[in-house]
PDB file of all heavy atoms in Angstrom:
ATOM      1  N   LEU A   1      94.993  97.121  98.599  1.00  0.00           N
ATOM      2  CA  LEU A   1      95.250  95.768  98.101  1.00  0.00           C
ATOM      3  C   LEU A   1      96.368  95.765  97.063  1.00  0.00           C
ATOM      4  O   LEU A   1      97.239  94.890  97.071  1.00  0.00           O
ATOM      5  CB  LEU A   1      93.980  95.177  97.478  1.00  0.00           C
ATOM      6  CG  LEU A   1      92.944  94.610  98.416  1.00  0.00           C
ATOM      7  CD1 LEU A   1      91.678  94.231  97.654  1.00  0.00           C
ATOM      8  CD2 LEU A   1      93.491  93.407  99.156  1.00  0.00           C
ATOM      9  N   VAL A   2      96.319  96.730  96.167  1.00  0.00           N
ATOM     10  CA  VAL A   2      97.341  96.855  95.137  1.00  0.00           C
ATOM     11  C   VAL A   2      98.723  96.954  95.785  1.00  0.00           C
ATOM     12  O   VAL A   2      99.676  96.293  95.357  1.00  0.00           O
ATOM     13  CB  VAL A   2      97.050  98.078  94.231  1.00  0.00           C
ATOM     14  CG1 VAL A   2      98.254  98.451  93.402  1.00  0.00           C
ATOM     15  CG2 VAL A   2      95.857  97.800  93.341  1.00  0.00           C
ATOM     16  N   ASN A   3      98.838  97.763  96.832  1.00  0.00           N
ATOM     17  CA  ASN A   3     100.121  97.930  97.516  1.00  0.00           C
ATOM     18  C   ASN A   3     100.569  96.645  98.207  1.00  0.00           C
ATOM     19  O   ASN A   3     101.750  96.296  98.163  1.00  0.00           O
ATOM     20  CB  ASN A   3     100.050  99.084  98.513  1.00  0.00           C
ATOM     21  CG  ASN A   3      99.945 100.425  97.816  1.00  0.00           C
ATOM     22  OD1 ASN A   3     100.390 100.595  96.689  1.00  0.00           O
ATOM     23  ND2 ASN A   3      99.325 101.388  98.483  1.00  0.00           N
ATOM     24  N   ILE A   4      99.647  95.935  98.829  1.00  0.00           N
ATOM     25  CA  ILE A   4      99.983  94.678  99.503  1.00  0.00           C
ATOM     26  C   ILE A   4     100.546  93.666  98.504  1.00  0.00           C
ATOM     27  O   ILE A   4     101.510  92.963  98.790  1.00  0.00           O
ATOM     28  CB  ILE A   4      98.746  94.106 100.230  1.00  0.00           C
ATOM     29  CG1 ILE A   4      98.393  94.989 101.427  1.00  0.00           C
ATOM     30  CG2 ILE A   4      98.979  92.658 100.665  1.00  0.00           C
ATOM     31  CD1 ILE A   4      97.037  94.677 102.048  1.00  0.00           C
ATOM     32  N   PHE A   5      99.942  93.599  97.323  1.00  0.00           N
ATOM     33  CA  PHE A   5     100.362  92.637  96.303  1.00  0.00           C
ATOM     34  C   PHE A   5     101.477  93.169  95.395  1.00  0.00           C
ATOM     35  O   PHE A   5     101.853  92.525  94.434  1.00  0.00           O
ATOM     36  CB  PHE A   5      99.160  92.208  95.452  1.00  0.00           C
ATOM     37  CG  PHE A   5      98.284  91.200  96.130  1.00  0.00           C
ATOM     38  CD1 PHE A   5      97.258  91.606  96.970  1.00  0.00           C
ATOM     39  CD2 PHE A   5      98.493  89.847  95.942  1.00  0.00           C
ATOM     40  CE1 PHE A   5      96.438  90.685  97.603  1.00  0.00           C
ATOM     41  CE2 PHE A   5      97.685  88.913  96.574  1.00  0.00           C
ATOM     42  CZ  PHE A   5      96.653  89.329  97.411  1.00  0.00           C
ATOM     43  N   ARG A   6     101.979  94.339  95.712  1.00  0.00           N
ATOM     44  CA  ARG A   6     103.025  94.990  94.915  1.00  0.00           C
ATOM     45  C   ARG A   6     102.628  95.101  93.435  1.00  0.00           C
ATOM     46  O   ARG A   6     103.431  94.903  92.532  1.00  0.00           O
ATOM     47  CB  ARG A   6     104.363  94.275  95.071  1.00  0.00           C
ATOM     48  CG  ARG A   6     104.981  94.545  96.416  1.00  0.00           C
ATOM     49  CD  ARG A   6     106.337  93.954  96.544  1.00  0.00           C
ATOM     50  NE  ARG A   6     106.180  92.641  97.168  1.00  0.00           N
ATOM     51  CZ  ARG A   6     107.027  91.664  97.092  1.00  0.00           C
ATOM     52  NH1 ARG A   6     108.133  91.818  96.415  1.00  0.00           N
ATOM     53  NH2 ARG A   6     106.805  90.527  97.688  1.00  0.00           N
ATOM     54  N   ALA A   7     101.371  95.417  93.235  1.00  0.00           N
ATOM     55  CA  ALA A   7     100.861  95.684  91.889  1.00  0.00           C
ATOM     56  C   ALA A   7     100.891  97.195  91.673  1.00  0.00           C
ATOM     57  O   ALA A   7     101.383  97.928  92.538  1.00  0.00           O
ATOM     58  CB  ALA A   7      99.438  95.135  91.762  1.00  0.00           C
ATOM     59  N   LYS A   8     100.385  97.658  90.553  1.00  0.00           N
ATOM     60  CA  LYS A   8     100.365  99.089  90.263  1.00  0.00           C
ATOM     61  C   LYS A   8      99.024  99.489  89.662  1.00  0.00           C
ATOM     62  O   LYS A   8      98.426  98.730  88.906  1.00  0.00           O
ATOM     63  CB  LYS A   8     101.467  99.452  89.275  1.00  0.00           C
ATOM     64  CG  LYS A   8     102.867  99.298  89.821  1.00  0.00           C
ATOM     65  CD  LYS A   8     103.871  99.880  88.860  1.00  0.00           C
ATOM     66  CE  LYS A   8     105.292  99.846  89.289  1.00  0.00           C
ATOM     67  NZ  LYS A   8     105.670  99.485  90.582  1.00  0.00           N
ATOM     68  N   VAL A   9      98.583 100.686  90.006  1.00  0.00           N
ATOM     69  CA  VAL A   9      97.420 101.276  89.352  1.00  0.00           C
ATOM     70  C   VAL A   9      97.965 101.957  88.101  1.00  0.00           C
ATOM     71  O   VAL A   9      98.842 102.822  88.191  1.00  0.00           O
ATOM     72  CB  VAL A   9      96.713 102.299  90.261  1.00  0.00           C
ATOM     73  CG1 VAL A   9      95.580 102.983  89.514  1.00  0.00           C
ATOM     74  CG2 VAL A   9      96.203 101.635  91.525  1.00  0.00           C
ATOM     75  N   ILE A  10      97.454 101.578  86.929  1.00  0.00           N
ATOM     76  CA  ILE A  10      97.984 102.157  85.692  1.00  0.00           C
ATOM     77  C   ILE A  10      96.974 103.043  84.970  1.00  0.00           C
ATOM     78  O   ILE A  10      97.342 103.718  84.013  1.00  0.00           O
ATOM     79  CB  ILE A  10      98.533 101.070  84.734  1.00  0.00           C
ATOM     80  CG1 ILE A  10      97.450 100.059  84.360  1.00  0.00           C
ATOM     81  CG2 ILE A  10      99.734 100.382  85.348  1.00  0.00           C
ATOM     82  CD1 ILE A  10      97.851  99.089  83.271  1.00  0.00           C
ATOM     83  N   ASP A  11      95.715 103.016  85.432  1.00  0.00           N
ATOM     84  CA  ASP A  11      94.720 103.899  84.842  1.00  0.00           C
ATOM     85  C   ASP A  11      93.617 104.155  85.865  1.00  0.00           C
ATOM     86  O   ASP A  11      93.194 103.241  86.572  1.00  0.00           O
ATOM     87  CB  ASP A  11      94.108 103.286  83.571  1.00  0.00           C
ATOM     88  CG  ASP A  11      93.167 104.260  82.876  1.00  0.00           C
ATOM     89  OD1 ASP A  11      93.618 105.368  82.526  1.00  0.00           O
ATOM     90  OD2 ASP A  11      91.987 103.905  82.708  1.00  0.00           O
ATOM     91  N   VAL A  12      93.193 105.404  85.936  1.00  0.00           N
ATOM     92  CA  VAL A  12      92.132 105.791  86.862  1.00  0.00           C
ATOM     93  C   VAL A  12      91.024 106.458  86.066  1.00  0.00           C
ATOM     94  O   VAL A  12      91.282 107.371  85.280  1.00  0.00           O
ATOM     95  CB  VAL A  12      92.666 106.774  87.935  1.00  0.00           C
ATOM     96  CG1 VAL A  12      91.548 107.206  88.860  1.00  0.00           C
ATOM     97  CG2 VAL A  12      93.813 106.154  88.714  1.00  0.00           C
ATOM     98  N   ALA A  13      89.814 105.967  86.251  1.00  0.00           N
ATOM     99  CA  ALA A  13      88.627 106.597  85.668  1.00  0.00           C
ATOM    100  C   ALA A  13      87.700 106.958  86.824  1.00  0.00           C
ATOM    101  O   ALA A  13      87.948 106.590  87.970  1.00  0.00           O
ATOM    102  CB  ALA A  13      87.946 105.651  84.692  1.00  0.00           C
ATOM    103  N   LYS A  14      86.632 107.661  86.512  1.00  0.00           N
ATOM    104  CA  LYS A  14      85.712 108.115  87.557  1.00  0.00           C
ATOM    105  C   LYS A  14      85.148 106.960  88.390  1.00  0.00           C
ATOM    106  O   LYS A  14      85.005 107.062  89.601  1.00  0.00           O
ATOM    107  CB  LYS A  14      84.579 108.920  86.915  1.00  0.00           C
ATOM    108  CG  LYS A  14      83.667 109.563  87.913  1.00  0.00           C
ATOM    109  CD  LYS A  14      82.663 110.443  87.217  1.00  0.00           C
ATOM    110  CE  LYS A  14      81.762 111.056  88.259  1.00  0.00           C
ATOM    111  NZ  LYS A  14      81.538 112.454  88.062  1.00  0.00           N
ATOM    112  N   ASP A  15      84.855 105.829  87.726  1.00  0.00           N
ATOM    113  CA  ASP A  15      84.240 104.713  88.442  1.00  0.00           C
ATOM    114  C   ASP A  15      84.981 103.382  88.288  1.00  0.00           C
ATOM    115  O   ASP A  15      84.424 102.308  88.516  1.00  0.00           O
ATOM    116  CB  ASP A  15      82.793 104.553  88.016  1.00  0.00           C
ATOM    117  CG  ASP A  15      82.664 104.355  86.515  1.00  0.00           C
ATOM    118  OD1 ASP A  15      83.685 104.453  85.799  1.00  0.00           O
ATOM    119  OD2 ASP A  15      81.541 104.092  86.059  1.00  0.00           O
ATOM    120  N   SER A  16      86.257 103.437  87.877  1.00  0.00           N
ATOM    121  CA  SER A  16      87.037 102.196  87.744  1.00  0.00           C
ATOM    122  C   SER A  16      88.528 102.468  87.881  1.00  0.00           C
ATOM    123  O   SER A  16      88.986 103.597  87.720  1.00  0.00           O
ATOM    124  CB  SER A  16      86.749 101.523  86.397  1.00  0.00           C
ATOM    125  OG  SER A  16      87.287 102.286  85.346  1.00  0.00           O
ATOM    126  N   LEU A  17      89.256 101.389  88.168  1.00  0.00           N
ATOM    127  CA  LEU A  17      90.720 101.414  88.208  1.00  0.00           C
ATOM    128  C   LEU A  17      91.225 100.269  87.352  1.00  0.00           C
ATOM    129  O   LEU A  17      90.625  99.184  87.334  1.00  0.00           O
ATOM    130  CB  LEU A  17      91.247 101.221  89.635  1.00  0.00           C
ATOM    131  CG  LEU A  17      90.946 102.291  90.665  1.00  0.00           C
ATOM    132  CD1 LEU A  17      91.382 101.815  92.045  1.00  0.00           C
ATOM    133  CD2 LEU A  17      91.655 103.582  90.311  1.00  0.00           C
ATOM    134  N   THR A  18      92.323 100.494  86.657  1.00  0.00           N
ATOM    135  CA  THR A  18      92.976  99.417  85.937  1.00  0.00           C
ATOM    136  C   THR A  18      94.304  99.155  86.623  1.00  0.00           C
ATOM    137  O   THR A  18      95.081 100.081  86.871  1.00  0.00           O
ATOM    138  CB  THR A  18      93.193  99.765  84.449  1.00  0.00           C
ATOM    139  OG1 THR A  18      91.918 100.047  83.857  1.00  0.00           O
ATOM    140  CG2 THR A  18      93.841  98.606  83.714  1.00  0.00           C
ATOM    141  N   LEU A  19      94.542  97.882  86.931  1.00  0.00           N
ATOM    142  CA  LEU A  19      95.711  97.474  87.692  1.00  0.00           C
ATOM    143  C   LEU A  19      96.621  96.606  86.847  1.00  0.00           C
ATOM    144  O   LEU A  19      96.174  95.897  85.949  1.00  0.00           O
ATOM    145  CB  LEU A  19      95.278  96.676  88.926  1.00  0.00           C
ATOM    146  CG  LEU A  19      94.083  97.208  89.698  1.00  0.00           C
ATOM    147  CD1 LEU A  19      93.656  96.223  90.754  1.00  0.00           C
ATOM    148  CD2 LEU A  19      94.418  98.551  90.304  1.00  0.00           C
ATOM    149  N   TRP A  20      97.885  96.649  87.186  1.00  0.00           N
ATOM    150  CA  TRP A  20      98.908  95.806  86.566  1.00  0.00           C
ATOM    151  C   TRP A  20      99.557  95.005  87.672  1.00  0.00           C
ATOM    152  O   TRP A  20      99.970  95.569  88.692  1.00  0.00           O
ATOM    153  CB  TRP A  20      99.935  96.699  85.869  1.00  0.00           C
ATOM    154  CG  TRP A  20     101.134  95.993  85.330  1.00  0.00           C
ATOM    155  CD1 TRP A  20     101.265  95.457  84.082  1.00  0.00           C
ATOM    156  CD2 TRP A  20     102.387  95.764  85.987  1.00  0.00           C
ATOM    157  NE1 TRP A  20     102.519  94.914  83.932  1.00  0.00           N
ATOM    158  CE2 TRP A  20     103.223  95.095  85.102  1.00  0.00           C
ATOM    159  CE3 TRP A  20     102.876  96.063  87.258  1.00  0.00           C
ATOM    160  CZ2 TRP A  20     104.519  94.707  85.415  1.00  0.00           C
ATOM    161  CZ3 TRP A  20     104.168  95.678  87.576  1.00  0.00           C
ATOM    162  CH2 TRP A  20     104.981  95.008  86.665  1.00  0.00           C
ATOM    163  N   VAL A  21      99.629  93.694  87.504  1.00  0.00           N
ATOM    164  CA  VAL A  21     100.313  92.853  88.491  1.00  0.00           C
ATOM    165  C   VAL A  21     101.216  91.871  87.753  1.00  0.00           C
ATOM    166  O   VAL A  21     100.844  91.320  86.718  1.00  0.00           O
ATOM    167  CB  VAL A  21      99.317  92.127  89.427  1.00  0.00           C
ATOM    168  CG1 VAL A  21      98.408  91.190  88.680  1.00  0.00           C
ATOM    169  CG2 VAL A  21     100.049  91.412  90.557  1.00  0.00           C
ATOM    170  N   PHE A  22     102.403  91.712  88.283  1.00  0.00           N
ATOM    171  CA  PHE A  22     103.399  90.800  87.734  1.00  0.00           C
ATOM    172  C   PHE A  22     103.809  89.844  88.841  1.00  0.00           C
ATOM    173  O   PHE A  22     104.155  90.284  89.939  1.00  0.00           O
ATOM    174  CB  PHE A  22     104.626  91.600  87.255  1.00  0.00           C
ATOM    175  CG  PHE A  22     105.787  90.726  86.853  1.00  0.00           C
ATOM    176  CD1 PHE A  22     105.793  90.104  85.625  1.00  0.00           C
ATOM    177  CD2 PHE A  22     106.858  90.539  87.710  1.00  0.00           C
ATOM    178  CE1 PHE A  22     106.857  89.312  85.250  1.00  0.00           C
ATOM    179  CE2 PHE A  22     107.926  89.742  87.343  1.00  0.00           C
ATOM    180  CZ  PHE A  22     107.935  89.124  86.110  1.00  0.00           C
ATOM    181  N   GLY A  23     103.709  88.555  88.589  1.00  0.00           N
ATOM    182  CA  GLY A  23     104.119  87.610  89.620  1.00  0.00           C
ATOM    183  C   GLY A  23     103.753  86.192  89.271  1.00  0.00           C
ATOM    184  O   GLY A  23     103.392  85.887  88.135  1.00  0.00           O
ATOM    185  N   SER A  24     103.830  85.356  90.266  1.00  0.00           N
ATOM    186  CA  SER A  24     103.478  83.953  90.069  1.00  0.00           C
ATOM    187  C   SER A  24     101.968  83.859  89.815  1.00  0.00           C
ATOM    188  O   SER A  24     101.208  84.753  90.180  1.00  0.00           O
ATOM    189  CB  SER A  24     103.852  83.132  91.300  1.00  0.00           C
ATOM    190  OG  SER A  24     103.069  83.525  92.397  1.00  0.00           O
ATOM    191  N   GLN A  25     101.581  82.769  89.216  1.00  0.00           N
ATOM    192  CA  GLN A  25     100.168  82.565  88.916  1.00  0.00           C
ATOM    193  C   GLN A  25      99.345  82.572  90.205  1.00  0.00           C
ATOM    194  O   GLN A  25      98.248  83.140  90.239  1.00  0.00           O
ATOM    195  CB  GLN A  25      99.987  81.252  88.162  1.00  0.00           C
ATOM    196  CG  GLN A  25      98.617  81.060  87.590  1.00  0.00           C
ATOM    197  CD  GLN A  25      98.533  79.800  86.745  1.00  0.00           C
ATOM    198  OE1 GLN A  25      99.205  78.803  87.018  1.00  0.00           O
ATOM    199  NE2 GLN A  25      97.725  79.846  85.712  1.00  0.00           N
ATOM    200  N   SER A  26      99.870  82.004  91.276  1.00  0.00           N
ATOM    201  CA  SER A  26      99.121  81.966  92.542  1.00  0.00           C
ATOM    202  C   SER A  26      98.958  83.362  93.130  1.00  0.00           C
ATOM    203  O   SER A  26      97.892  83.688  93.670  1.00  0.00           O
ATOM    204  CB  SER A  26      99.795  81.027  93.546  1.00  0.00           C
ATOM    205  OG  SER A  26     101.106  81.454  93.825  1.00  0.00           O
ATOM    206  N   LYS A  27      99.976  84.200  93.016  1.00  0.00           N
ATOM    207  CA  LYS A  27      99.872  85.586  93.511  1.00  0.00           C
ATOM    208  C   LYS A  27      98.805  86.339  92.732  1.00  0.00           C
ATOM    209  O   LYS A  27      97.943  87.010  93.306  1.00  0.00           O
ATOM    210  CB  LYS A  27     101.213  86.297  93.386  1.00  0.00           C
ATOM    211  CG  LYS A  27     101.155  87.786  93.678  1.00  0.00           C
ATOM    212  CD  LYS A  27     102.466  88.467  93.323  1.00  0.00           C
ATOM    213  CE  LYS A  27     102.330  89.964  93.363  1.00  0.00           C
ATOM    214  NZ  LYS A  27     103.553  90.659  92.986  1.00  0.00           N
ATOM    215  N   ASN A  28      98.854  86.235  91.421  1.00  0.00           N
ATOM    216  CA  ASN A  28      97.889  86.947  90.580  1.00  0.00           C
ATOM    217  C   ASN A  28      96.468  86.448  90.823  1.00  0.00           C
ATOM    218  O   ASN A  28      95.526  87.238  90.892  1.00  0.00           O
ATOM    219  CB  ASN A  28      98.274  86.816  89.110  1.00  0.00           C
ATOM    220  CG  ASN A  28      99.590  87.502  88.795  1.00  0.00           C
ATOM    221  OD1 ASN A  28     100.191  88.157  89.641  1.00  0.00           O
ATOM    222  ND2 ASN A  28     100.054  87.341  87.578  1.00  0.00           N
ATOM    223  N   THR A  29      96.309  85.141  91.002  1.00  0.00           N
ATOM    224  CA  THR A  29      94.995  84.573  91.282  1.00  0.00           C
ATOM    225  C   THR A  29      94.468  85.057  92.631  1.00  0.00           C
ATOM    226  O   THR A  29      93.281  85.348  92.772  1.00  0.00           O
ATOM    227  CB  THR A  29      95.065  83.029  91.241  1.00  0.00           C
ATOM    228  OG1 THR A  29      95.514  82.632  89.940  1.00  0.00           O
ATOM    229  CG2 THR A  29      93.728  82.394  91.533  1.00  0.00           C
ATOM    230  N   ALA A  30      95.366  85.162  93.612  1.00  0.00           N
ATOM    231  CA  ALA A  30      94.958  85.640  94.939  1.00  0.00           C
ATOM    232  C   ALA A  30      94.462  87.086  94.874  1.00  0.00           C
ATOM    233  O   ALA A  30      93.431  87.429  95.462  1.00  0.00           O
ATOM    234  CB  ALA A  30      96.115  85.523  95.927  1.00  0.00           C
ATOM    235  N   LEU A  31      95.179  87.933  94.123  1.00  0.00           N
ATOM    236  CA  LEU A  31      94.751  89.322  93.982  1.00  0.00           C
ATOM    237  C   LEU A  31      93.394  89.399  93.276  1.00  0.00           C
ATOM    238  O   LEU A  31      92.493  90.118  93.715  1.00  0.00           O
ATOM    239  CB  LEU A  31      95.783  90.159  93.229  1.00  0.00           C
ATOM    240  CG  LEU A  31      95.386  91.614  92.942  1.00  0.00           C
ATOM    241  CD1 LEU A  31      95.089  92.378  94.231  1.00  0.00           C
ATOM    242  CD2 LEU A  31      96.457  92.315  92.133  1.00  0.00           C
TER     243      LEU A  31
END
């Protein structure tokens, strides 16, 4: 999903991921 939305994984933990997304409000809301 991150790749489809051209976002980035910026932190990886054992049971979570933190993502960064830059874009229009509608794109971010969709993700």
